[in-house]
């Protein structure tokens, strides 16, 4: 399917893999976004930044650059 950045509002997707490395990848994992978890896209700001998602019952705002590193299916 691509990356979380391209998912339209109101859809739930499953994380396939995290790109990136080091501290950035670690920060995304610390937010609860790991392989196999479901992510619901709640809202996308008019210019696409940030993307609001629900993960493991938490609401998060992700920068477009971070959402691009999350491959989903």
C-alpha atoms as a PDB file:
ATOM      1  CA  UNK A   1       0.000   0.000   0.000  1.00  0.00           C
ATOM      2  CA  UNK A   2       2.867   2.416   0.641  1.00  0.00           C
ATOM      3  CA  UNK A   3       3.544   4.677   3.595  1.00  0.00           C
ATOM      4  CA  UNK A   4       1.351   6.070   6.354  1.00  0.00           C
ATOM      5  CA  UNK A   5       1.701   9.506   4.758  1.00  0.00           C
ATOM      6  CA  UNK A   6      -0.445   8.391   1.798  1.00  0.00           C
ATOM      7  CA  UNK A   7      -3.308   6.789   3.760  1.00  0.00           C
ATOM      8  CA  UNK A   8      -6.605   8.698   3.484  1.00  0.00           C
ATOM      9  CA  UNK A   9      -8.598   9.821   6.523  1.00  0.00           C
ATOM     10  CA  UNK A  10     -10.813   7.250   8.205  1.00  0.00           C
ATOM     11  CA  UNK A  11      -8.792   4.196   7.205  1.00  0.00           C
ATOM     12  CA  UNK A  12      -7.146   1.634   9.443  1.00  0.00           C
ATOM     13  CA  UNK A  13      -3.917   0.080   8.221  1.00  0.00           C
ATOM     14  CA  UNK A  14      -1.375  -2.385   9.607  1.00  0.00           C
ATOM     15  CA  UNK A  15       2.281  -1.418  10.019  1.00  0.00           C
ATOM     16  CA  UNK A  16       4.448  -3.582   7.768  1.00  0.00           C
ATOM     17  CA  UNK A  17       7.868  -2.164   8.589  1.00  0.00           C
ATOM     18  CA  UNK A  18       9.690   0.929   9.809  1.00  0.00           C
ATOM     19  CA  UNK A  19      12.263   2.579   7.577  1.00  0.00           C
ATOM     20  CA  UNK A  20      14.923   4.883   8.922  1.00  0.00           C
ATOM     21  CA  UNK A  21      17.395   4.105  11.640  1.00  0.00           C
ATOM     22  CA  UNK A  22      18.850   5.223  14.912  1.00  0.00           C
ATOM     23  CA  UNK A  23      17.101   7.763  17.148  1.00  0.00           C
ATOM     24  CA  UNK A  24      14.292   8.579  14.700  1.00  0.00           C
ATOM     25  CA  UNK A  25      13.241   4.934  14.337  1.00  0.00           C
ATOM     26  CA  UNK A  26      13.567   4.447  18.106  1.00  0.00           C
ATOM     27  CA  UNK A  27      11.302   7.459  18.753  1.00  0.00           C
ATOM     28  CA  UNK A  28       8.617   6.089  16.412  1.00  0.00           C
ATOM     29  CA  UNK A  29       8.797   2.696  18.176  1.00  0.00           C
ATOM     30  CA  UNK A  30       8.611   4.398  21.590  1.00  0.00           C
ATOM     31  CA  UNK A  31       5.297   5.943  20.484  1.00  0.00           C
ATOM     32  CA  UNK A  32       3.922   2.400  20.139  1.00  0.00           C
ATOM     33  CA  UNK A  33       4.192   2.193  16.367  1.00  0.00           C
ATOM     34  CA  UNK A  34       5.739  -1.210  15.750  1.00  0.00           C
ATOM     35  CA  UNK A  35       5.454  -3.933  13.117  1.00  0.00           C
ATOM     36  CA  UNK A  36       2.014  -5.554  13.013  1.00  0.00           C
ATOM     37  CA  UNK A  37       0.143  -2.866  14.972  1.00  0.00           C
ATOM     38  CA  UNK A  38      -3.047  -1.296  13.571  1.00  0.00           C
ATOM     39  CA  UNK A  39      -3.024   2.455  12.949  1.00  0.00           C
ATOM     40  CA  UNK A  40      -6.234   4.442  12.381  1.00  0.00           C
ATOM     41  CA  UNK A  41      -5.806   7.720  10.486  1.00  0.00           C
ATOM     42  CA  UNK A  42      -8.098  10.235  12.229  1.00  0.00           C
ATOM     43  CA  UNK A  43      -7.258  13.484  10.522  1.00  0.00           C
ATOM     44  CA  UNK A  44      -4.808  14.955   8.030  1.00  0.00           C
ATOM     45  CA  UNK A  45      -4.091  18.670   8.258  1.00  0.00           C
ATOM     46  CA  UNK A  46      -4.898  20.695   5.101  1.00  0.00           C
ATOM     47  CA  UNK A  47      -1.266  20.809   3.996  1.00  0.00           C
ATOM     48  CA  UNK A  48      -0.657  17.210   5.075  1.00  0.00           C
ATOM     49  CA  UNK A  49       1.340  18.044   8.198  1.00  0.00           C
ATOM     50  CA  UNK A  50       0.685  16.772  10.835  1.00  0.00           C
ATOM     51  CA  UNK A  51      -1.203  13.500  10.476  1.00  0.00           C
ATOM     52  CA  UNK A  52      -3.353  12.573  13.485  1.00  0.00           C
ATOM     53  CA  UNK A  53      -3.577   8.844  14.184  1.00  0.00           C
ATOM     54  CA  UNK A  54      -4.847   6.471  16.856  1.00  0.00           C
ATOM     55  CA  UNK A  55      -2.444   3.697  17.896  1.00  0.00           C
ATOM     56  CA  UNK A  56      -3.050   1.245  20.769  1.00  0.00           C
ATOM     57  CA  UNK A  57      -5.809   3.507  22.107  1.00  0.00           C
ATOM     58  CA  UNK A  58      -3.624   6.636  22.075  1.00  0.00           C
ATOM     59  CA  UNK A  59      -4.048   9.653  19.835  1.00  0.00           C
ATOM     60  CA  UNK A  60      -0.828  10.860  18.226  1.00  0.00           C
ATOM     61  CA  UNK A  61       0.199  13.597  15.841  1.00  0.00           C
ATOM     62  CA  UNK A  62       2.969  12.614  13.455  1.00  0.00           C
ATOM     63  CA  UNK A  63       5.037  14.827  11.210  1.00  0.00           C
ATOM     64  CA  UNK A  64       4.795  14.065   7.518  1.00  0.00           C
ATOM     65  CA  UNK A  65       8.501  13.108   7.499  1.00  0.00           C
ATOM     66  CA  UNK A  66       7.880  10.522  10.244  1.00  0.00           C
ATOM     67  CA  UNK A  67       4.721   9.171   8.586  1.00  0.00           C
ATOM     68  CA  UNK A  68       6.747   8.621   5.421  1.00  0.00           C
ATOM     69  CA  UNK A  69       9.034   6.186   7.277  1.00  0.00           C
ATOM     70  CA  UNK A  70       6.148   3.922   8.301  1.00  0.00           C
ATOM     71  CA  UNK A  71       5.338   1.328   5.634  1.00  0.00           C
ATOM     72  CA  UNK A  72       1.782   0.023   5.877  1.00  0.00           C
ATOM     73  CA  UNK A  73      -0.508  -2.511   4.195  1.00  0.00           C
END
